[in-house]
Amino acid sequence: MTNSGKDIPANSENYRKLFDSMHKAFCIIQVLFDDDDKPIDYRFLEVNASFEEQTGLKDAEGKRMRELEPKHEEHWFDIYGKVALTGEPERFEQHAEKLDDRWFEVFADSFGPVENRQVALLFNDITQRKNNERSGALLSAIVNTSDDAIISKNLDGMITSWNASAERMFGYTKHEAVGKSIKILIPDERTEEEDEILARLKQGQHIHHYETVRKRKDGHHLVVSLTIS
């Protein structure tokens, strides 16, 4: 890891203030290898104030990772070992199951001469984001396998998503439906009904089990029960 301008001594007051004021966790580690240059552990040389909050590891400075968490996954040692040996930086997202099942976004770069085998880490806990992604993927799977037609639209009545059951029920493919007005499904004599539904939605109201008539692509009418929110 390099910087431009004048180097700031690691023990200076300004360095410490900057180090501890960072929102992201930052630490400097020394990677430990066996006789075959296989990474087997690493020691925390310095950590900032956000480190404990991000990792849950207490009083880490001066300790080895395997002291703090003996079952820490091997991929962490492999990645940091590669950076320490080659001096090539790595940016990645990785799972730490043994650290309270957390996910981290990490930037790792060599620190000082390569022969010191030290690595500087700048990282952030992204567990919530990963959980949201997992929940979104689960919801998407539920929507796509549901026997009910599930359609989303914006408050202008434009279709934004369309599941497989909607294709079967109404005869439009996803490509044909998304981006079109929801009124393609509404018989001409019921268009005012959609305006009323949108007005209620804009007021934050929900519509539960509302029976009405909708129109297929081929013109046939269907009696349907709608739930809208």
Foldseek 3Di string as FASTA:
>chain_A
DDDDDDDDDCPDPVNLVVQQVDQWKKWKKAFDADPVLQTDKIATQDIYNCNCVFQVFPPRHGHIPCVRPVPWDPVVRVVLSVQLQPQDKDWDKDFGVRRVGWIKTKIKGADPDSVRSMIMITMGTCRVVVVVVVVVVVVVVCQQPDCDWDWDDDLVQATAATHPNNCVVAVDDRVRRHRHGPCVFPPPVCPVVVVVVSVCVVVVDWDFQDWDWTAHPVGDIDTDTDTGD
